[in-house]
Protein backbone atom coordinates (compact mmCIF):
# COMPACT_ATOMS: atom_id res chain seq x y z
CA MET A 1 -43.55 39.96 63.08
CA HIS A 2 -44.53 43.44 64.16
CA ILE A 3 -42.24 45.91 62.37
CA ILE A 4 -41.99 49.68 62.83
CA ILE A 5 -40.82 51.73 59.86
CA VAL A 6 -39.48 55.22 60.49
CA GLY A 7 -40.13 57.43 57.47
CA ALA A 8 -42.74 57.49 54.70
CA GLY A 9 -40.84 58.74 51.68
CA ILE A 10 -40.63 56.57 48.58
CA VAL A 11 -38.17 54.22 50.31
CA GLY A 12 -40.27 53.99 53.46
CA THR A 13 -43.56 53.40 51.65
CA ALA A 14 -41.95 50.79 49.37
CA THR A 15 -40.53 49.04 52.44
CA ALA A 16 -43.92 49.15 54.15
CA TYR A 17 -45.54 47.63 51.07
CA GLU A 18 -43.00 44.81 50.77
CA LEU A 19 -43.13 43.90 54.46
CA ALA A 20 -46.94 43.99 54.49
CA TYR A 21 -46.86 41.92 51.28
CA ASP A 22 -44.82 39.32 53.19
CA GLY A 23 -47.48 39.17 55.89
CA HIS A 24 -45.86 41.25 58.63
CA GLN A 25 -47.73 43.62 60.93
CA VAL A 26 -46.42 47.02 59.85
CA THR A 27 -46.54 50.39 61.61
CA VAL A 28 -45.13 53.46 59.84
CA VAL A 29 -44.34 56.68 61.71
CA GLU A 30 -43.65 59.86 59.75
CA GLN A 31 -42.90 63.35 61.03
CA ARG A 32 -44.60 65.05 58.08
CA ALA A 33 -48.33 65.29 57.40
CA ALA A 34 -48.32 62.92 54.41
CA ALA A 35 -46.19 60.43 52.51
CA ALA A 36 -43.43 61.65 50.18
CA GLU A 37 -43.32 65.21 51.47
CA GLN A 38 -39.54 65.69 51.45
CA ALA A 39 -36.89 64.24 49.10
CA SER A 40 -39.55 62.23 47.24
CA PHE A 41 -41.88 65.17 46.62
CA ALA A 42 -40.70 66.42 43.21
CA SER A 43 -37.70 64.27 42.32
CA ALA A 44 -36.34 64.08 38.78
CA GLY A 45 -38.52 61.08 38.05
CA LEU A 46 -35.86 59.03 36.23
CA LEU A 47 -36.15 55.33 37.08
CA ALA A 48 -33.60 53.85 34.71
CA PRO A 49 -30.82 53.54 33.83
CA SER A 50 -29.99 54.53 37.40
CA LEU A 51 -26.24 54.95 36.88
CA LEU A 52 -26.84 57.63 34.25
CA ILE A 53 -28.67 59.80 36.78
CA PRO A 54 -26.49 62.83 37.60
CA TRP A 55 -24.76 62.31 40.96
CA ALA A 56 -25.65 58.60 40.97
CA ALA A 57 -22.28 57.57 42.42
CA PRO A 58 -18.63 58.68 42.51
CA GLY A 59 -16.72 57.15 39.64
CA ALA A 60 -19.75 56.86 37.36
CA ASP A 61 -18.82 60.11 35.61
CA GLY A 62 -15.14 60.75 34.91
CA ARG A 63 -15.86 64.44 34.36
CA LEU A 64 -16.87 65.07 37.94
CA SER A 65 -13.51 65.11 39.68
CA ARG A 66 -12.42 67.95 37.42
CA ARG A 67 -15.54 70.04 38.01
CA LEU A 68 -16.04 70.05 41.76
CA LEU A 69 -14.17 73.26 42.48
CA GLY A 70 -13.86 76.67 40.92
CA ASN A 71 -16.29 79.32 39.69
CA ARG A 72 -18.19 76.86 37.50
CA ALA A 73 -18.21 73.96 39.93
CA ALA A 74 -20.78 71.20 39.53
CA LEU A 75 -21.46 71.31 43.27
CA ARG A 76 -22.07 74.42 45.35
CA LEU A 77 -20.70 74.49 48.89
CA VAL A 78 -23.20 76.92 50.38
CA ARG A 79 -22.19 79.06 53.35
CA GLY A 80 -22.47 76.87 56.44
CA ALA A 81 -21.17 73.70 54.79
CA GLY A 82 -17.78 74.48 56.34
CA ILE A 83 -14.93 72.04 56.91
CA GLY A 84 -17.40 69.16 57.20
CA GLY A 85 -18.60 69.79 53.67
CA MET A 86 -15.07 69.86 52.32
CA VAL A 87 -14.21 66.61 54.11
CA TRP A 88 -17.34 64.95 52.74
CA LEU A 89 -16.51 66.13 49.24
CA TRP A 90 -12.93 64.80 49.51
CA ARG A 91 -14.24 61.41 50.61
CA TRP A 92 -16.65 61.36 47.65
CA MET A 93 -13.81 62.03 45.24
CA GLN A 94 -11.65 59.36 46.88
CA ALA A 95 -14.46 56.80 46.65
CA GLY A 96 -14.53 57.29 42.88
CA ARG A 97 -10.86 56.30 42.70
CA HIS A 98 -11.07 53.39 45.12
CA ALA A 99 -9.91 49.97 43.95
CA ARG A 100 -13.41 48.57 44.54
CA ALA A 101 -15.26 51.42 42.82
CA GLY A 102 -16.06 49.18 39.85
CA GLU A 103 -17.56 46.52 42.11
CA ARG A 104 -19.75 49.15 43.75
CA LEU A 105 -20.94 50.48 40.39
CA SER A 106 -21.79 46.92 39.30
CA ALA A 107 -23.79 46.35 42.49
CA LEU A 108 -25.64 49.64 41.98
CA ALA A 109 -26.42 48.78 38.35
CA ALA A 110 -27.78 45.37 39.39
CA LEU A 111 -29.87 46.96 42.13
CA GLY A 112 -31.23 49.45 39.61
CA GLN A 113 -32.26 46.69 37.21
CA ALA A 114 -33.91 44.67 39.98
CA SER A 115 -35.67 47.77 41.24
CA LEU A 116 -37.01 48.68 37.80
CA ALA A 117 -38.40 45.16 37.35
CA ARG A 118 -39.98 45.21 40.82
CA THR A 119 -41.50 48.67 40.28
CA ARG A 120 -43.10 47.53 37.05
CA THR A 121 -44.39 44.34 38.66
CA ILE A 122 -46.01 46.25 41.52
CA ALA A 123 -47.55 48.83 39.17
CA HIS A 124 -48.96 45.99 37.06
CA GLU A 125 -50.31 44.09 40.07
CA LEU A 126 -51.94 47.22 41.48
CA ASP A 127 -53.20 48.15 37.98
CA VAL A 128 -52.21 51.80 38.43
CA ASP A 129 -51.00 54.56 36.12
CA ILE A 130 -47.86 56.21 37.52
CA GLU A 131 -47.43 58.58 34.55
CA SER A 132 -44.56 56.55 33.19
CA SER A 133 -42.72 57.19 29.94
CA ARG A 134 -40.33 54.76 28.25
CA GLY A 135 -36.88 55.40 26.84
CA THR A 136 -33.88 57.37 28.14
CA LEU A 137 -31.55 59.44 25.97
CA MET A 138 -28.21 60.85 27.17
CA LEU A 139 -27.17 63.65 24.86
CA LEU A 140 -23.54 63.80 23.73
CA ARG A 141 -22.15 67.12 22.59
CA ASN A 142 -18.79 65.58 21.67
CA ARG A 143 -16.88 62.29 21.69
CA ALA A 144 -15.29 63.10 25.04
CA ASP A 145 -18.71 62.81 26.70
CA LEU A 146 -18.92 59.18 25.57
CA GLN A 147 -15.53 58.33 27.10
CA LEU A 148 -16.50 59.90 30.41
CA ALA A 149 -19.63 57.73 30.56
CA GLN A 150 -17.71 54.46 30.08
CA PRO A 151 -17.59 53.35 33.76
CA ALA A 152 -21.38 53.60 34.05
CA LEU A 153 -21.92 51.99 30.64
CA GLU A 154 -19.78 48.97 31.46
CA ALA A 155 -21.65 48.37 34.73
CA LEU A 156 -25.05 48.82 33.07
CA THR A 157 -24.17 46.42 30.25
CA ALA A 158 -22.98 43.80 32.73
CA ALA A 159 -26.27 44.17 34.62
CA GLY A 160 -28.27 43.52 31.45
CA MET A 161 -29.41 47.04 30.56
CA GLN A 162 -29.25 47.68 26.84
CA VAL A 163 -27.60 51.04 26.09
CA ARG A 164 -26.53 51.81 22.53
CA GLU A 165 -24.80 54.73 20.88
CA VAL A 166 -26.82 56.53 18.19
CA ASP A 167 -25.97 59.40 15.87
CA ALA A 168 -27.56 62.84 16.08
CA ASP A 169 -30.17 62.13 13.39
CA THR A 170 -31.33 58.97 15.16
CA ALA A 171 -31.42 60.82 18.49
CA ARG A 172 -33.77 63.37 16.94
CA LEU A 173 -35.96 60.59 15.55
CA ILE A 174 -36.23 59.15 19.07
CA GLU A 175 -36.97 62.61 20.53
CA PRO A 176 -38.49 64.66 17.70
CA GLY A 177 -38.91 67.69 19.96
CA LEU A 178 -35.16 68.25 20.32
CA ALA A 179 -34.16 71.67 19.04
CA PRO A 180 -32.62 71.16 15.57
CA GLU A 181 -30.21 74.10 15.90
CA VAL A 182 -28.46 72.86 19.07
CA PRO A 183 -25.17 71.07 18.21
CA LEU A 184 -25.32 67.35 18.95
CA ALA A 185 -22.67 64.74 18.22
CA GLY A 186 -24.92 61.81 19.13
CA ALA A 187 -26.53 60.17 22.14
CA LEU A 188 -26.71 57.09 24.29
CA HIS A 189 -30.12 55.44 24.07
CA ALA A 190 -31.59 53.07 26.63
CA PRO A 191 -34.88 51.91 25.07
CA ASP A 192 -35.86 50.13 28.29
CA GLY A 193 -35.19 53.22 30.39
CA GLU A 194 -38.12 54.77 32.17
CA ALA A 195 -39.34 57.84 34.04
CA ALA A 196 -42.41 58.09 36.25
CA ASN A 197 -44.07 60.11 39.01
CA CYS A 198 -42.29 59.24 42.26
CA ARG A 199 -44.68 60.98 44.66
CA LEU A 200 -47.75 59.50 42.98
CA PHE A 201 -46.30 56.00 43.29
CA ALA A 202 -45.43 56.58 46.96
CA GLN A 203 -49.05 57.55 47.65
CA LEU A 204 -50.29 54.46 45.82
CA LEU A 205 -47.88 52.24 47.76
CA ARG A 206 -49.14 53.72 51.02
CA GLN A 207 -52.73 52.89 50.06
CA ALA A 208 -51.78 49.38 48.97
CA ALA A 209 -49.85 48.76 52.19
CA GLN A 210 -52.82 49.98 54.22
CA GLU A 211 -55.08 47.57 52.37
CA ARG A 212 -52.73 44.82 53.58
CA GLY A 213 -53.06 46.01 57.16
CA ALA A 214 -50.22 48.51 57.52
CA ARG A 215 -50.89 51.48 59.80
CA PHE A 216 -49.50 54.94 59.07
CA PHE A 217 -49.12 57.62 61.73
CA PHE A 218 -48.33 61.09 60.36
CA ASN A 219 -47.22 64.20 62.25
CA THR A 220 -45.40 61.76 64.52
CA PRO A 221 -41.74 62.70 65.09
CA VAL A 222 -39.36 60.05 66.41
CA GLN A 223 -37.21 61.37 69.25
CA SER A 224 -34.84 58.43 69.47
CA LEU A 225 -34.41 54.74 68.74
CA ALA A 226 -35.30 52.75 71.84
CA THR A 227 -32.52 50.74 73.45
CA GLY A 228 -33.03 47.19 74.60
CA ARG A 229 -36.02 45.78 72.76
CA ALA A 230 -36.44 47.18 69.25
CA GLY A 231 -38.62 50.25 69.23
CA VAL A 232 -38.82 54.02 68.93
CA GLN A 233 -39.30 56.81 71.43
CA LEU A 234 -41.91 59.16 70.01
CA ALA A 235 -41.82 62.86 70.82
CA GLY A 236 -44.29 63.69 73.59
CA GLN A 237 -44.80 60.06 74.64
CA ASN A 238 -43.66 58.64 77.97
CA GLU A 239 -43.36 55.03 76.85
CA PRO A 240 -41.51 53.81 73.76
CA LEU A 241 -43.39 52.12 70.94
CA THR A 242 -41.88 48.65 70.69
CA ALA A 243 -41.92 45.92 68.04
CA ASP A 244 -39.98 42.88 66.88
CA ALA A 245 -37.95 45.02 64.51
CA VAL A 246 -37.45 48.63 63.43
CA VAL A 247 -36.54 49.70 59.88
CA LEU A 248 -34.97 53.14 59.60
CA CYS A 249 -35.96 54.94 56.36
CA ALA A 250 -35.81 58.45 57.77
CA GLY A 251 -33.68 60.22 55.18
CA MET A 252 -31.58 63.03 56.59
CA ALA A 253 -32.90 62.42 60.13
CA SER A 254 -31.32 58.96 60.13
CA ALA A 255 -27.80 60.16 61.01
CA ALA A 256 -28.96 61.91 64.19
CA LEU A 257 -31.04 58.91 65.26
CA LEU A 258 -28.05 56.59 64.81
CA ARG A 259 -25.50 58.78 66.56
CA PRO A 260 -26.44 57.72 70.13
CA LEU A 261 -25.79 54.12 68.99
CA SER A 262 -22.16 55.10 68.18
CA VAL A 263 -22.81 55.11 64.44
CA ARG A 264 -21.53 58.23 62.70
CA LEU A 265 -22.50 58.17 59.07
CA PRO A 266 -21.00 60.47 56.41
CA LEU A 267 -24.53 61.41 55.32
CA ALA A 268 -24.96 64.76 53.59
CA GLY A 269 -27.97 66.56 52.20
CA MET A 270 -27.21 67.02 48.50
CA HIS A 271 -29.84 69.59 47.59
CA GLY A 272 -31.29 69.55 44.12
CA TYR A 273 -33.94 71.51 42.23
CA SER A 274 -36.78 70.72 39.88
CA VAL A 275 -39.11 72.82 37.77
CA THR A 276 -42.36 71.20 36.67
CA ALA A 277 -44.46 72.80 33.95
CA PRO A 278 -47.65 71.84 32.10
CA LEU A 279 -47.27 70.28 28.66
CA ARG A 280 -47.69 72.83 25.89
CA GLU A 281 -47.21 70.96 22.62
CA GLU A 282 -46.91 67.17 22.38
CA SER A 283 -44.64 67.15 19.36
CA HIS A 284 -42.22 69.66 20.95
CA ALA A 285 -42.00 67.99 24.36
CA PRO A 286 -39.85 65.04 25.46
CA GLN A 287 -41.41 61.64 24.89
CA GLY A 288 -39.30 59.91 27.55
CA ALA A 289 -36.33 61.02 29.67
CA VAL A 290 -33.42 63.11 28.42
CA ILE A 291 -30.13 63.70 30.25
CA ASP A 292 -27.81 66.61 29.53
CA PRO A 293 -24.52 65.48 31.13
CA GLN A 294 -22.72 68.75 30.46
CA HIS A 295 -25.06 70.68 32.76
CA ARG A 296 -26.02 67.60 34.84
CA VAL A 297 -29.70 68.18 34.03
CA THR A 298 -32.50 65.65 33.56
CA ILE A 299 -35.69 66.36 31.61
CA THR A 300 -38.53 63.89 32.02
CA ARG A 301 -42.05 63.52 30.74
CA GLN A 302 -44.64 62.79 33.43
CA GLY A 303 -48.11 62.51 31.94
CA GLN A 304 -49.27 65.97 30.93
CA ARG A 305 -46.29 67.66 32.59
CA VAL A 306 -42.59 68.13 31.89
CA ARG A 307 -40.02 68.22 34.69
CA VAL A 308 -36.46 69.51 34.47
CA SER A 309 -34.16 68.72 37.38
CA GLY A 310 -30.60 69.48 38.40
CA GLY A 311 -28.29 71.26 40.76
CA ALA A 312 -26.22 70.01 43.68
CA GLU A 313 -25.76 72.03 46.84
CA MET A 314 -24.32 71.06 50.19
CA ALA A 315 -26.37 73.25 52.47
CA ALA A 316 -28.78 73.31 55.36
CA ALA A 317 -32.48 72.79 54.75
CA GLY A 318 -34.60 75.88 54.20
CA GLY A 319 -31.94 77.92 52.42
CA ALA A 320 -32.72 80.40 49.67
CA HIS A 321 -33.09 79.12 46.13
CA ASP A 322 -30.06 79.62 43.91
CA GLU A 323 -31.18 81.75 40.99
CA ALA A 324 -28.26 80.66 38.79
CA THR A 325 -29.24 76.99 39.15
CA LEU A 326 -32.89 77.73 38.38
CA ARG A 327 -31.84 79.79 35.36
CA THR A 328 -29.83 76.81 34.10
CA LEU A 329 -32.89 74.56 34.42
CA TYR A 330 -35.16 76.95 32.53
CA LEU A 331 -32.54 77.45 29.81
CA ALA A 332 -32.01 73.69 29.47
CA LEU A 333 -35.72 73.04 29.09
CA SER A 334 -36.35 75.83 26.60
CA GLY A 335 -33.06 75.19 24.81
CA TRP A 336 -33.52 71.47 24.22
CA PHE A 337 -37.33 71.45 23.87
CA PRO A 338 -38.48 74.92 22.77
CA GLY A 339 -42.24 75.26 22.99
CA GLY A 340 -42.68 71.92 24.74
CA ALA A 341 -43.77 73.24 28.14
CA LEU A 342 -45.68 76.24 29.48
CA VAL A 343 -42.86 77.67 31.56
CA SER A 344 -44.77 80.95 32.14
CA SER A 345 -47.88 79.19 33.45
CA PRO A 346 -49.02 79.91 37.03
CA GLN A 347 -49.10 76.11 37.44
CA VAL A 348 -45.30 75.89 37.23
CA GLN A 349 -43.92 74.26 40.37
CA VAL A 350 -40.40 75.09 41.61
CA TRP A 351 -38.97 72.74 44.23
CA ARG A 352 -35.76 72.33 46.20
CA GLY A 353 -35.08 69.27 48.31
CA ALA A 354 -32.26 67.37 50.03
CA ARG A 355 -31.10 64.00 48.72
CA PRO A 356 -29.55 62.08 51.67
CA THR A 357 -26.24 60.92 50.18
CA LEU A 358 -23.39 58.81 51.55
CA THR A 359 -19.79 59.44 50.49
CA ASP A 360 -19.53 56.30 48.33
CA GLY A 361 -22.89 56.86 46.61
CA ALA A 362 -24.37 53.52 47.71
CA PRO A 363 -27.27 53.22 50.15
CA LEU A 364 -27.23 51.35 53.46
CA ILE A 365 -29.50 48.31 53.19
CA GLY A 366 -29.55 45.57 55.81
CA ALA A 367 -28.92 44.90 59.49
CA GLY A 368 -28.18 47.86 61.77
CA PRO A 369 -25.80 48.25 64.71
CA THR A 370 -28.11 46.58 67.27
CA PRO A 371 -30.34 43.49 67.11
CA GLY A 372 -33.75 44.23 65.66
CA LEU A 373 -32.67 47.44 63.92
CA TRP A 374 -32.53 47.49 60.12
CA LEU A 375 -31.44 50.23 57.73
CA ASN A 376 -32.67 51.38 54.33
CA ILE A 377 -31.17 54.86 53.95
CA GLY A 378 -28.76 57.06 52.01
CA HIS A 379 -30.02 56.51 48.45
CA GLY A 380 -28.94 59.94 47.25
CA ALA A 381 -29.99 60.86 43.72
CA CYS A 382 -31.25 57.30 43.08
CA GLY A 383 -33.92 57.10 45.79
CA TRP A 384 -36.74 56.66 43.30
CA ALA A 385 -34.71 54.45 41.00
CA HIS A 386 -33.67 52.07 43.80
CA ALA A 387 -36.65 52.25 46.16
CA CYS A 388 -38.54 49.07 45.23
CA GLY A 389 -35.37 47.04 44.74
CA SER A 390 -33.87 48.04 48.09
CA ALA A 391 -37.21 47.45 49.84
CA ARG A 392 -37.40 43.94 48.40
CA MET A 393 -33.75 43.30 49.31
CA LEU A 394 -34.33 44.36 52.90
CA ALA A 395 -37.54 42.32 53.23
CA ASP A 396 -35.66 39.23 52.01
CA GLN A 397 -32.75 39.86 54.39
CA LEU A 398 -35.07 40.38 57.33
CA ALA A 399 -36.78 37.07 56.53
CA GLY A 400 -33.45 35.24 56.17
CA ARG A 401 -33.86 34.76 52.41
CA ASP A 402 -31.24 35.24 49.73
CA PRO A 403 -32.08 38.52 47.91
CA GLY A 404 -30.31 37.30 44.79
CA LEU A 405 -28.09 40.40 44.74
CA ASN A 406 -24.68 41.24 46.14
CA THR A 407 -25.47 42.82 49.53
CA GLU A 408 -21.91 43.51 50.69
CA PRO A 409 -21.56 46.93 49.00
CA PHE A 410 -24.68 48.09 50.88
CA ALA A 411 -23.76 46.79 54.36
CA LEU A 412 -23.08 48.99 57.40
CA ALA A 413 -19.73 47.27 57.91
CA ARG A 414 -18.15 49.36 55.13
CA PHE A 415 -18.29 52.38 57.47
């Protein structure tokens, strides 16, 4: 089959690789000048456990419903978010209380496990270094933090991810660079957790897909999805580009492209931040990934760099950086790992990007609203963690194969 993929972020490049791997003729169109230029550019880097990623899904963190509003809210409704932002936020909170929230968390945990395995398989087959680091540690300041993590822990355990509680001394043996003076009640340790460089892997997937015959067209905006035969109408072109199927992986642009097809998705841009700094001292830096649930911050090791990520804003693209959020990131990095990174270096990279998020926290993977149109969108904070798993799931569905995972929680029919 000839298949057009719209979007070349980590999800789009993974989908291109899987479809080319299956022998399809693949064409990728991307509005930016290169792969992984938007949400995938400087993501947190945490691959697993996916449900421990801040903002992974409503209901995964019992703390969240009590921290969405007020002066110290976990999420900032930036001017311009308006009534639509409040409605979206209410739907997110309701999804965490839904009777089927546990089923959704289980499906997300299983997808995360499958995606981790597939990512490692691809990296091994391609024989590439994606600056990965093993082990994930969620820091617990008190016993209440452990109780709040229970929904995610139960789903992860059922999916086969080993997560164990350790005391503060053991946590500091696992991550020797942790500041000894910061109070710590204990931690949750996932020895099989992993962090890696998302953008680097997206670039490697693009190259591998091209070696299998996939064609990538950059600086190529899609104006609309063609009606009738599957295809896309490219900006500035008189005739649509047609194929046997189209896979939409266009991030935030996906909602606008689907609207003329009478599909109105509750897709919001949940903006997050990251600060990436050169490694300063090996023994003072994180060895794997560390999550601070109190401030909803992730600190990951990526080769010779350290990245701290966090923040959640509902806002339009291109807005000004929030200095309070950036200050929290710098304080978290220097507070937990003093001397581990060169935060004053001119090589420090500060990034803000939108994570396309649906109100129930689960992506859309599978058949679209019209024949020949397929969807792989709305991965939110878990785009990197779920990219290879969702790409494999979609490739199997498109070929009529059983993906081996529960696909119902990711279907369009739920909206």
